[in-house]
Amino acid sequence: MNDTNATSNMLDRAAQRSDAAIQAGVDAAQLALDGLSQSARQLQADAGHLSQRGLDALHESTRDMRLSARRAGERTVAYIHDEPVKSMLVAAAAGAALMLVLGLTGRSRR
């Protein structure tokens, strides 16, 4: 009977060790999941910040382009006002050059 008790005690200790090992594995898995969850939240926050920075840069670039186009328009109007004859000649030459290019392109397709 003593052997039976010893075997039973050994089995009980082995079961306790198995339970402890399983619990340690569960605890480690929980820590890993917590770390992954924290990393996912940080990545989400970083992505939000980066997308906001991208949108801000896009808005700033759009504003700069509009301002640059407005200034170019103002300079063009001022030049036309200051040099009306020269402006007409430049416009006529540009139109003639465009018609020449279109004419040559149309002929090459035939």
Protein backbone atom coordinates (compact mmCIF):
# COMPACT_ATOMS: atom_id res chain seq x y z
CA MET A 1 0.00 0.00 0.00
CA ASN A 2 2.95 2.23 0.60
CA ASP A 3 3.87 1.94 -3.09
CA THR A 4 0.36 2.96 -4.00
CA ASN A 5 0.55 6.06 -1.83
CA ALA A 6 3.95 6.97 -3.22
CA THR A 7 2.69 6.54 -6.78
CA SER A 8 -0.41 8.57 -5.99
CA ASN A 9 1.72 11.34 -4.43
CA MET A 10 4.05 11.33 -7.42
CA LEU A 11 1.08 11.60 -9.78
CA ASP A 12 -0.38 14.45 -7.72
CA ARG A 13 2.93 16.33 -7.83
CA ALA A 14 3.21 15.74 -11.59
CA ALA A 15 -0.34 17.03 -12.06
CA GLN A 16 0.44 20.11 -9.97
CA ARG A 17 3.59 20.76 -11.98
CA SER A 18 1.62 20.34 -15.20
CA ASP A 19 -1.01 22.75 -13.94
CA ALA A 20 1.72 25.24 -12.98
CA ALA A 21 3.36 24.90 -16.40
CA ILE A 22 0.02 25.39 -18.13
CA GLN A 23 -0.69 28.46 -15.99
CA ALA A 24 2.77 29.85 -16.76
CA GLY A 25 2.07 29.33 -20.48
CA VAL A 26 -1.29 31.08 -20.16
CA ASP A 27 0.34 33.97 -18.29
CA ALA A 28 3.08 34.28 -20.94
CA ALA A 29 0.48 34.22 -23.72
CA GLN A 30 -1.54 36.91 -21.93
CA LEU A 31 1.56 39.09 -21.57
CA ALA A 32 2.33 38.63 -25.26
CA LEU A 33 -1.25 39.55 -26.21
CA ASP A 34 -1.12 42.60 -23.99
CA GLY A 35 2.13 43.67 -25.65
CA LEU A 36 0.65 43.12 -29.11
CA SER A 37 -2.46 45.07 -28.17
CA GLN A 38 -0.33 47.97 -26.92
CA SER A 39 1.73 47.87 -30.14
CA ALA A 40 -1.42 47.85 -32.26
CA ARG A 41 -2.81 50.87 -30.40
CA GLN A 42 0.51 52.71 -30.84
CA LEU A 43 0.59 51.89 -34.57
CA GLN A 44 -2.97 53.12 -34.94
CA ALA A 45 -2.12 56.38 -33.18
CA ASP A 46 1.02 56.82 -35.30
CA ALA A 47 -0.93 56.17 -38.50
CA GLY A 48 -3.47 58.78 -37.46
CA HIS A 49 -0.74 61.34 -36.83
CA LEU A 50 1.00 60.56 -40.11
CA SER A 51 -2.20 60.82 -42.12
CA GLN A 52 -3.00 64.16 -40.47
CA ARG A 53 0.49 65.43 -41.29
CA GLY A 54 0.01 64.32 -44.90
CA LEU A 55 -3.32 66.12 -45.13
CA ASP A 56 -1.81 69.25 -43.61
CA ALA A 57 1.04 69.16 -46.14
CA LEU A 58 -1.44 68.69 -48.97
CA HIS A 59 -3.51 71.66 -47.83
CA GLU A 60 -0.39 73.80 -47.51
CA SER A 61 0.83 72.80 -50.99
CA THR A 62 -2.58 73.54 -52.48
CA ARG A 63 -2.64 76.94 -50.81
CA ASP A 64 0.89 77.71 -52.07
CA MET A 65 -0.02 76.68 -55.62
CA ARG A 66 -3.13 78.87 -55.60
CA LEU A 67 -1.11 81.81 -54.32
CA SER A 68 1.56 81.24 -56.97
CA ALA A 69 -1.07 81.03 -59.75
CA ARG A 70 -2.73 84.20 -58.48
CA ARG A 71 0.60 86.06 -58.48
CA ALA A 72 1.40 84.82 -62.00
CA GLY A 73 -2.00 86.03 -63.16
CA GLU A 74 -1.46 89.42 -61.57
CA ARG A 75 1.97 89.75 -63.21
CA THR A 76 0.49 88.77 -66.58
CA VAL A 77 -2.28 91.35 -66.30
CA ALA A 78 0.27 93.99 -65.27
CA TYR A 79 2.48 93.14 -68.27
CA ILE A 80 -0.48 93.29 -70.65
CA HIS A 81 -1.44 96.66 -69.17
CA ASP A 82 2.12 98.00 -69.46
CA GLU A 83 2.91 96.50 -72.90
CA PRO A 84 -0.37 95.98 -74.81
CA VAL A 85 1.13 95.91 -78.33
CA LYS A 86 3.95 93.56 -77.40
CA SER A 87 1.45 91.32 -75.57
CA MET A 88 -0.76 91.11 -78.68
CA LEU A 89 2.25 90.22 -80.84
CA VAL A 90 3.36 87.51 -78.40
CA ALA A 91 -0.17 86.09 -78.27
CA ALA A 92 -0.43 86.11 -82.07
CA ALA A 93 2.95 84.38 -82.42
CA ALA A 94 1.99 81.77 -79.84
CA GLY A 95 -1.30 81.11 -81.64
CA ALA A 96 0.47 80.81 -85.00
CA ALA A 97 3.02 78.38 -83.53
CA LEU A 98 0.24 76.29 -82.02
CA MET A 99 -1.64 76.16 -85.34
CA LEU A 100 1.58 75.13 -87.10
CA VAL A 101 2.19 72.30 -84.65
CA LEU A 102 -1.42 71.11 -84.92
CA GLY A 103 -1.26 71.28 -88.70
CA LEU A 104 1.94 69.26 -88.84
CA THR A 105 0.59 66.72 -86.37
CA GLY A 106 -2.61 66.32 -88.41
CA ARG A 107 -0.64 65.72 -91.61
CA SER A 108 1.63 63.12 -90.03
CA ARG A 109 -1.37 61.00 -89.00
CA ARG A 110 -2.68 60.74 -92.57
